PDB file of N, CA and C in Angstrom:
ATOM      1  N   UNK A   1      51.100 -44.018  71.817  1.00  0.00           N
ATOM      2  CA  UNK A   1      51.695 -44.974  72.655  1.00  0.00           C
ATOM      3  C   UNK A   1      52.691 -45.027  71.705  1.00  0.00           C
ATOM      4  N   UNK A   2      52.387 -45.472  70.231  1.00  0.00           N
ATOM      5  CA  UNK A   2      53.330 -45.986  69.117  1.00  0.00           C
ATOM      6  C   UNK A   2      52.793 -44.736  67.943  1.00  0.00           C
ATOM      7  N   UNK A   3      52.437 -43.869  68.359  1.00  0.00           N
ATOM      8  CA  UNK A   3      51.719 -42.947  67.368  1.00  0.00           C
ATOM      9  C   UNK A   3      52.556 -42.814  65.872  1.00  0.00           C
ATOM     10  N   UNK A   4      52.281 -42.758  64.656  1.00  0.00           N
ATOM     11  CA  UNK A   4      53.134 -42.270  63.629  1.00  0.00           C
ATOM     12  C   UNK A   4      53.921 -43.708  63.173  1.00  0.00           C
ATOM     13  N   UNK A   5      54.217 -44.897  64.127  1.00  0.00           N
ATOM     14  CA  UNK A   5      54.726 -46.115  63.282  1.00  0.00           C
ATOM     15  C   UNK A   5      54.352 -47.127  62.846  1.00  0.00           C
ATOM     16  N   UNK A   6      54.687 -47.767  62.024  1.00  0.00           N
ATOM     17  CA  UNK A   6      53.973 -48.746  61.235  1.00  0.00           C
ATOM     18  C   UNK A   6      53.791 -50.106  62.143  1.00  0.00           C
ATOM     19  N   UNK A   7      52.527 -51.130  62.050  1.00  0.00           N
ATOM     20  CA  UNK A   7      52.399 -51.972  63.422  1.00  0.00           C
ATOM     21  C   UNK A   7      52.996 -52.737  61.768  1.00  0.00           C
ATOM     22  N   UNK A   8      53.131 -54.163  63.016  1.00  0.00           N
ATOM     23  CA  UNK A   8      54.319 -55.438  62.217  1.00  0.00           C
ATOM     24  C   UNK A   8      53.050 -55.769  61.023  1.00  0.00           C
ATOM     25  N   UNK A   9      51.850 -55.709  60.970  1.00  0.00           N
ATOM     26  CA  UNK A   9      50.972 -56.304  60.242  1.00  0.00           C
ATOM     27  C   UNK A   9      51.322 -55.576  59.246  1.00  0.00           C
ATOM     28  N   UNK A  10      51.154 -54.057  58.811  1.00  0.00           N
ATOM     29  CA  UNK A  10      51.447 -52.858  57.997  1.00  0.00           C
ATOM     30  C   UNK A  10      53.204 -53.215  57.381  1.00  0.00           C
ATOM     31  N   UNK A  11      53.922 -53.757  58.056  1.00  0.00           N
ATOM     32  CA  UNK A  11      55.406 -54.212  57.808  1.00  0.00           C
ATOM     33  C   UNK A  11      55.009 -55.348  56.410  1.00  0.00           C
ATOM     34  N   UNK A  12      54.223 -56.324  57.491  1.00  0.00           N
ATOM     35  CA  UNK A  12      54.452 -57.486  56.249  1.00  0.00           C
ATOM     36  C   UNK A  12      53.714 -57.397  55.055  1.00  0.00           C
ATOM     37  N   UNK A  13      52.664 -56.668  55.066  1.00  0.00           N
ATOM     38  CA  UNK A  13      52.369 -56.119  53.768  1.00  0.00           C
ATOM     39  C   UNK A  13      52.720 -55.785  52.914  1.00  0.00           C
ATOM     40  N   UNK A  14      53.683 -54.859  53.650  1.00  0.00           N
ATOM     41  CA  UNK A  14      54.755 -53.781  52.352  1.00  0.00           C
ATOM     42  C   UNK A  14      55.552 -55.225  51.975  1.00  0.00           C
ATOM     43  N   UNK A  15      55.610 -55.978  52.920  1.00  0.00           N
ATOM     44  CA  UNK A  15      56.844 -56.908  52.404  1.00  0.00           C
ATOM     45  C   UNK A  15      56.059 -57.882  51.224  1.00  0.00           C
ATOM     46  N   UNK A  16      54.903 -57.980  51.442  1.00  0.00           N
ATOM     47  CA  UNK A  16      54.495 -59.077  50.670  1.00  0.00           C
ATOM     48  C   UNK A  16      53.951 -58.455  49.168  1.00  0.00           C
ATOM     49  N   UNK A  17      54.045 -56.826  49.150  1.00  0.00           N
ATOM     50  CA  UNK A  17      53.566 -56.338  47.917  1.00  0.00           C
ATOM     51  C   UNK A  17      54.987 -56.069  47.204  1.00  0.00           C
ATOM     52  N   UNK A  18      56.374 -56.233  47.678  1.00  0.00           N
ATOM     53  CA  UNK A  18      57.420 -55.471  46.880  1.00  0.00           C
ATOM     54  C   UNK A  18      57.726 -57.363  46.818  1.00  0.00           C
ATOM     55  N   UNK A  19      57.165 -57.884  46.833  1.00  0.00           N
ATOM     56  CA  UNK A  19      57.858 -59.333  46.646  1.00  0.00           C
ATOM     57  C   UNK A  19      57.097 -59.442  45.158  1.00  0.00           C
ATOM     58  N   UNK A  20      55.585 -58.983  45.484  1.00  0.00           N
ATOM     59  CA  UNK A  20      54.516 -59.553  44.243  1.00  0.00           C
ATOM     60  C   UNK A  20      55.027 -58.428  43.432  1.00  0.00           C
ATOM     61  N   UNK A  21      55.529 -57.493  43.803  1.00  0.00           N
ATOM     62  CA  UNK A  21      56.192 -56.628  42.625  1.00  0.00           C
ATOM     63  C   UNK A  21      57.506 -56.685  41.664  1.00  0.00           C
ATOM     64  N   UNK A  22      58.155 -57.379  42.756  1.00  0.00           N
ATOM     65  CA  UNK A  22      59.591 -57.824  41.696  1.00  0.00           C
ATOM     66  C   UNK A  22      59.129 -59.233  41.024  1.00  0.00           C
ATOM     67  N   UNK A  23      58.086 -60.029  41.845  1.00  0.00           N
ATOM     68  CA  UNK A  23      57.924 -61.472  41.279  1.00  0.00           C
ATOM     69  C   UNK A  23      57.298 -60.705  39.630  1.00  0.00           C
ATOM     70  N   UNK A  24      56.154 -60.627  39.633  1.00  0.00           N
ATOM     71  CA  UNK A  24      55.014 -60.058  38.168  1.00  0.00           C
ATOM     72  C   UNK A  24      56.268 -59.523  37.690  1.00  0.00           C
ATOM     73  N   UNK A  25      57.263 -58.175  38.109  1.00  0.00           N
ATOM     74  CA  UNK A  25      57.819 -57.687  37.243  1.00  0.00           C
ATOM     75  C   UNK A  25      59.226 -58.319  37.102  1.00  0.00           C
ATOM     76  N   UNK A  26      59.254 -59.486  37.206  1.00  0.00           N
ATOM     77  CA  UNK A  26      60.118 -60.547  36.316  1.00  0.00           C
ATOM     78  C   UNK A  26      59.654 -61.219  35.387  1.00  0.00           C
ATOM     79  N   UNK A  27      58.807 -61.859  35.975  1.00  0.00           N
ATOM     80  CA  UNK A  27      57.437 -62.808  35.080  1.00  0.00           C
ATOM     81  C   UNK A  27      57.043 -61.792  33.598  1.00  0.00           C
ATOM     82  N   UNK A  28      56.785 -60.435  33.822  1.00  0.00           N
ATOM     83  CA  UNK A  28      56.064 -59.612  32.613  1.00  0.00           C
ATOM     84  C   UNK A  28      57.754 -59.689  31.920  1.00  0.00           C
ATOM     85  N   UNK A  29      58.480 -59.268  32.364  1.00  0.00           N
ATOM     86  CA  UNK A  29      59.890 -58.883  31.282  1.00  0.00           C
ATOM     87  C   UNK A  29      60.271 -60.292  30.944  1.00  0.00           C
ATOM     88  N   UNK A  30      60.171 -61.528  31.308  1.00  0.00           N
ATOM     89  CA  UNK A  30      60.595 -62.761  30.797  1.00  0.00           C
ATOM     90  C   UNK A  30      59.515 -63.103  29.430  1.00  0.00           C
ATOM     91  N   UNK A  31      58.245 -62.952  29.878  1.00  0.00           N
ATOM     92  CA  UNK A  31      57.394 -63.081  28.847  1.00  0.00           C
ATOM     93  C   UNK A  31      57.517 -62.265  27.705  1.00  0.00           C
ATOM     94  N   UNK A  32      58.009 -60.918  27.905  1.00  0.00           N
ATOM     95  CA  UNK A  32      58.023 -59.856  26.516  1.00  0.00           C
ATOM     96  C   UNK A  32      59.299 -60.000  25.603  1.00  0.00           C
ATOM     97  N   UNK A  33      60.543 -60.708  26.542  1.00  0.00           N
ATOM     98  CA  UNK A  33      61.662 -61.065  25.942  1.00  0.00           C
ATOM     99  C   UNK A  33      61.745 -62.226  25.426  1.00  0.00           C
ATOM    100  N   UNK A  34      60.434 -63.100  26.044  1.00  0.00           N
ATOM    101  CA  UNK A  34      60.044 -64.479  24.913  1.00  0.00           C
ATOM    102  C   UNK A  34      59.722 -64.500  23.423  1.00  0.00           C
ATOM    103  N   UNK A  35      58.842 -63.345  23.272  1.00  0.00           N
ATOM    104  CA  UNK A  35      58.359 -63.344  22.062  1.00  0.00           C
ATOM    105  C   UNK A  35      59.601 -62.901  20.602  1.00  0.00           C
ATOM    106  N   UNK A  36      60.221 -61.767  21.255  1.00  0.00           N
ATOM    107  CA  UNK A  36      61.913 -62.128  20.145  1.00  0.00           C
ATOM    108  C   UNK A  36      62.335 -63.118  20.424  1.00  0.00           C
ATOM    109  N   UNK A  37      62.844 -63.786  21.309  1.00  0.00           N
ATOM    110  CA  UNK A  37      63.336 -65.019  21.557  1.00  0.00           C
ATOM    111  C   UNK A  37      62.513 -66.037  20.339  1.00  0.00           C
ATOM    112  N   UNK A  38      61.709 -65.872  20.536  1.00  0.00           N
ATOM    113  CA  UNK A  38      60.811 -66.921  19.676  1.00  0.00           C
ATOM    114  C   UNK A  38      61.033 -67.124  18.817  1.00  0.00           C
ATOM    115  N   UNK A  39      60.863 -65.663  18.058  1.00  0.00           N
ATOM    116  CA  UNK A  39      60.901 -65.340  16.787  1.00  0.00           C
ATOM    117  C   UNK A  39      62.389 -65.520  16.053  1.00  0.00           C
ATOM    118  N   UNK A  40      63.375 -65.129  17.175  1.00  0.00           N
ATOM    119  CA  UNK A  40      64.648 -65.481  16.616  1.00  0.00           C
ATOM    120  C   UNK A  40      64.954 -66.823  16.197  1.00  0.00           C
ATOM    121  N   UNK A  41      64.133 -67.867  16.962  1.00  0.00           N
ATOM    122  CA  UNK A  41      64.198 -69.402  17.066  1.00  0.00           C
ATOM    123  C   UNK A  41      63.554 -69.571  15.833  1.00  0.00           C
ATOM    124  N   UNK A  42      62.477 -69.034  15.428  1.00  0.00           N
ATOM    125  CA  UNK A  42      61.490 -69.929  14.833  1.00  0.00           C
ATOM    126  C   UNK A  42      61.895 -69.156  13.413  1.00  0.00           C
ATOM    127  N   UNK A  43      62.356 -68.341  12.477  1.00  0.00           N
ATOM    128  CA  UNK A  43      62.731 -67.204  11.825  1.00  0.00           C
ATOM    129  C   UNK A  43      64.265 -68.048  10.976  1.00  0.00           C
ATOM    130  N   UNK A  44      64.850 -68.566  12.347  1.00  0.00           N
ATOM    131  CA  UNK A  44      66.299 -69.257  11.672  1.00  0.00           C
ATOM    132  C   UNK A  44      67.038 -67.706  11.746  1.00  0.00           C
ATOM    133  N   UNK A  45      66.946 -66.628  12.454  1.00  0.00           N
ATOM    134  CA  UNK A  45      67.458 -65.579  12.460  1.00  0.00           C
ATOM    135  C   UNK A  45      69.102 -65.952  13.181  1.00  0.00           C
ATOM    136  N   UNK A  46      69.987 -65.398  12.134  1.00  0.00           N
ATOM    137  CA  UNK A  46      71.662 -65.237  12.736  1.00  0.00           C
ATOM    138  C   UNK A  46      72.459 -63.927  12.968  1.00  0.00           C
ATOM    139  N   UNK A  47      73.663 -64.055  13.579  1.00  0.00           N
ATOM    140  CA  UNK A  47      73.861 -63.064  13.236  1.00  0.00           C
ATOM    141  C   UNK A  47      74.024 -61.469  13.984  1.00  0.00           C
ATOM    142  N   UNK A  48      74.055 -60.285  13.197  1.00  0.00           N
ATOM    143  CA  UNK A  48      74.012 -59.238  14.029  1.00  0.00           C
ATOM    144  C   UNK A  48      71.997 -59.236  13.924  1.00  0.00           C
ATOM    145  N   UNK A  49      71.822 -59.755  13.141  1.00  0.00           N
ATOM    146  CA  UNK A  49      70.046 -59.332  13.274  1.00  0.00           C
ATOM    147  C   UNK A  49      69.334 -59.988  14.504  1.00  0.00           C
ATOM    148  N   UNK A  50      70.127 -61.285  14.832  1.00  0.00           N
ATOM    149  CA  UNK A  50      69.734 -61.779  15.683  1.00  0.00           C
ATOM    150  C   UNK A  50      70.024 -61.059  16.877  1.00  0.00           C
ATOM    151  N   UNK A  51      71.132 -60.485  17.307  1.00  0.00           N
ATOM    152  CA  UNK A  51      71.855 -60.276  18.110  1.00  0.00           C
ATOM    153  C   UNK A  51      70.839 -58.702  18.527  1.00  0.00           C
ATOM    154  N   UNK A  52      70.494 -58.000  17.582  1.00  0.00           N
ATOM    155  CA  UNK A  52      69.677 -56.773  17.134  1.00  0.00           C
ATOM    156  C   UNK A  52      68.281 -57.297  17.708  1.00  0.00           C
ATOM    157  N   UNK A  53      67.733 -57.731  17.716  1.00  0.00           N
ATOM    158  CA  UNK A  53      66.008 -58.406  18.198  1.00  0.00           C
ATOM    159  C   UNK A  53      66.460 -58.778  19.418  1.00  0.00           C
ATOM    160  N   UNK A  54      67.556 -59.935  19.991  1.00  0.00           N
ATOM    161  CA  UNK A  54      67.344 -60.283  21.247  1.00  0.00           C
ATOM    162  C   UNK A  54      67.757 -58.762  22.055  1.00  0.00           C
ATOM    163  N   UNK A  55      68.401 -57.974  21.732  1.00  0.00           N
ATOM    164  CA  UNK A  55      68.792 -56.799  22.457  1.00  0.00           C
ATOM    165  C   UNK A  55      67.809 -56.104  22.663  1.00  0.00           C
ATOM    166  N   UNK A  56      66.926 -55.479  21.639  1.00  0.00           N
ATOM    167  CA  UNK A  56      65.814 -54.860  21.372  1.00  0.00           C
ATOM    168  C   UNK A  56      64.316 -54.807  22.824  1.00  0.00           C
ATOM    169  N   UNK A  57      64.810 -56.879  22.137  1.00  0.00           N
ATOM    170  CA  UNK A  57      63.279 -57.368  23.328  1.00  0.00           C
ATOM    171  C   UNK A  57      64.240 -57.572  24.505  1.00  0.00           C
ATOM    172  N   UNK A  58      65.616 -57.283  25.038  1.00  0.00           N
ATOM    173  CA  UNK A  58      65.842 -57.250  26.410  1.00  0.00           C
ATOM    174  C   UNK A  58      65.217 -55.466  26.936  1.00  0.00           C
ATOM    175  N   UNK A  59      66.099 -54.543  26.051  1.00  0.00           N
ATOM    176  CA  UNK A  59      65.052 -53.463  26.497  1.00  0.00           C
ATOM    177  C   UNK A  59      63.875 -53.250  26.493  1.00  0.00           C
ATOM    178  N   UNK A  60      63.228 -53.359  25.747  1.00  0.00           N
ATOM    179  CA  UNK A  60      61.733 -53.727  25.937  1.00  0.00           C
ATOM    180  C   UNK A  60      61.015 -54.573  27.328  1.00  0.00           C
ATOM    181  N   UNK A  61      61.816 -55.468  27.527  1.00  0.00           N
ATOM    182  CA  UNK A  61      61.566 -56.071  28.624  1.00  0.00           C
ATOM    183  C   UNK A  61      61.885 -55.675  29.535  1.00  0.00           C
ATOM    184  N   UNK A  62      63.007 -55.436  30.274  1.00  0.00           N
ATOM    185  CA  UNK A  62      63.120 -54.347  30.940  1.00  0.00           C
ATOM    186  C   UNK A  62      62.898 -53.367  31.223  1.00  0.00           C
ATOM    187  N   UNK A  63      62.434 -52.323  30.411  1.00  0.00           N
ATOM    188  CA  UNK A  63      61.167 -51.575  30.364  1.00  0.00           C
ATOM    189  C   UNK A  63      60.070 -51.974  31.095  1.00  0.00           C
ATOM    190  N   UNK A  64      59.222 -53.047  30.499  1.00  0.00           N
ATOM    191  CA  UNK A  64      58.142 -53.448  30.819  1.00  0.00           C
ATOM    192  C   UNK A  64      58.051 -53.612  32.269  1.00  0.00           C
ATOM    193  N   UNK A  65      59.126 -54.503  32.700  1.00  0.00           N
ATOM    194  CA  UNK A  65      59.008 -54.922  33.974  1.00  0.00           C
ATOM    195  C   UNK A  65      59.456 -53.647  34.933  1.00  0.00           C
ATOM    196  N   UNK A  66      60.139 -53.003  34.151  1.00  0.00           N
ATOM    197  CA  UNK A  66      60.494 -51.940  35.484  1.00  0.00           C
ATOM    198  C   UNK A  66      59.114 -50.746  35.583  1.00  0.00           C
ATOM    199  N   UNK A  67      58.405 -51.159  34.521  1.00  0.00           N
ATOM    200  CA  UNK A  67      56.860 -50.023  34.277  1.00  0.00           C
ATOM    201  C   UNK A  67      55.824 -50.935  35.575  1.00  0.00           C
ATOM    202  N   UNK A  68      56.160 -52.309  35.662  1.00  0.00           N
ATOM    203  CA  UNK A  68      55.162 -53.457  36.784  1.00  0.00           C
ATOM    204  C   UNK A  68      55.806 -52.913  37.509  1.00  0.00           C
ATOM    205  N   UNK A  69      56.771 -53.042  38.024  1.00  0.00           N
ATOM    206  CA  UNK A  69      57.411 -52.538  39.521  1.00  0.00           C
ATOM    207  C   UNK A  69      57.097 -51.555  39.850  1.00  0.00           C
ATOM    208  N   UNK A  70      56.930 -50.256  39.277  1.00  0.00           N
ATOM    209  CA  UNK A  70      56.586 -49.163  39.823  1.00  0.00           C
ATOM    210  C   UNK A  70      54.871 -48.968  39.686  1.00  0.00           C
ATOM    211  N   UNK A  71      54.640 -49.056  38.864  1.00  0.00           N
ATOM    212  CA  UNK A  71      53.202 -49.320  39.138  1.00  0.00           C
ATOM    213  C   UNK A  71      52.609 -50.314  40.188  1.00  0.00           C
ATOM    214  N   UNK A  72      52.740 -51.324  40.711  1.00  0.00           N
ATOM    215  CA  UNK A  72      52.355 -51.949  41.235  1.00  0.00           C
ATOM    216  C   UNK A  72      52.644 -51.073  42.889  1.00  0.00           C
ATOM    217  N   UNK A  73      53.789 -50.906  43.037  1.00  0.00           N
ATOM    218  CA  UNK A  73      54.276 -50.065  44.275  1.00  0.00           C
ATOM    219  C   UNK A  73      53.488 -48.739  44.556  1.00  0.00           C
ATOM    220  N   UNK A  74      53.353 -47.618  43.241  1.00  0.00           N
ATOM    221  CA  UNK A  74      52.502 -46.575  43.326  1.00  0.00           C
ATOM    222  C   UNK A  74      51.279 -46.974  43.905  1.00  0.00           C
ATOM    223  N   UNK A  75      50.770 -47.767  43.273  1.00  0.00           N
ATOM    224  CA  UNK A  75      49.264 -48.115  43.727  1.00  0.00           C
ATOM    225  C   UNK A  75      48.866 -48.542  44.709  1.00  0.00           C
ATOM    226  N   UNK A  76      50.386 -49.253  45.483  1.00  0.00           N
ATOM    227  CA  UNK A  76      50.086 -49.876  46.793  1.00  0.00           C
ATOM    228  C   UNK A  76      50.104 -48.465  47.993  1.00  0.00           C
ATOM    229  N   UNK A  77      51.109 -47.875  48.085  1.00  0.00           N
ATOM    230  CA  UNK A  77      51.586 -46.802  48.313  1.00  0.00           C
ATOM    231  C   UNK A  77      50.453 -45.591  48.741  1.00  0.00           C
ATOM    232  N   UNK A  78      49.470 -45.705  47.555  1.00  0.00           N
ATOM    233  CA  UNK A  78      48.207 -44.745  47.140  1.00  0.00           C
ATOM    234  C   UNK A  78      47.389 -44.943  48.125  1.00  0.00           C
ATOM    235  N   UNK A  79      47.268 -46.453  47.884  1.00  0.00           N
ATOM    236  CA  UNK A  79      45.808 -47.472  48.909  1.00  0.00           C
ATOM    237  C   UNK A  79      46.343 -47.016  50.646  1.00  0.00           C
ATOM    238  N   UNK A  80      47.677 -47.318  50.691  1.00  0.00           N
ATOM    239  CA  UNK A  80      48.081 -47.266  52.183  1.00  0.00           C
ATOM    240  C   UNK A  80      47.838 -45.387  52.444  1.00  0.00           C
ATOM    241  N   UNK A  81      47.966 -44.517  51.765  1.00  0.00           N
ATOM    242  CA  UNK A  81      48.058 -43.246  52.673  1.00  0.00           C
ATOM    243  C   UNK A  81      46.492 -42.974  52.379  1.00  0.00           C
ATOM    244  N   UNK A  82      45.857 -43.565  51.563  1.00  0.00           N
ATOM    245  CA  UNK A  82      44.059 -43.252  51.789  1.00  0.00           C
ATOM    246  C   UNK A  82      43.604 -43.992  53.139  1.00  0.00           C
ATOM    247  N   UNK A  83      44.008 -44.913  53.551  1.00  0.00           N
ATOM    248  CA  UNK A  83      44.075 -45.629  54.863  1.00  0.00           C
ATOM    249  C   UNK A  83      43.106 -46.719  54.387  1.00  0.00           C
ATOM    250  N   UNK A  84      43.747 -47.644  53.282  1.00  0.00           N
ATOM    251  CA  UNK A  84      43.064 -48.697  52.617  1.00  0.00           C
ATOM    252  C   UNK A  84      43.587 -50.031  53.222  1.00  0.00           C
TER     253      UNK A  84
END
């Protein structure tokens, strides 16, 4: 009858997985960025050094968040294709 189409629970599972991936990616990115932020505050860095440290932290945090997002969604798709 509805051959090849996703059921409502499959769509709900996909929505939950996307939200989970986004939230955990955001938390990971924030946690990674918190390290250089803490270093900047504790050491009292200012000026161009502070800017470079925080920019580096933002780049690494963004990369870590993106990695987490892709990893979670790829793993979900792989499991979904297996039929689990």
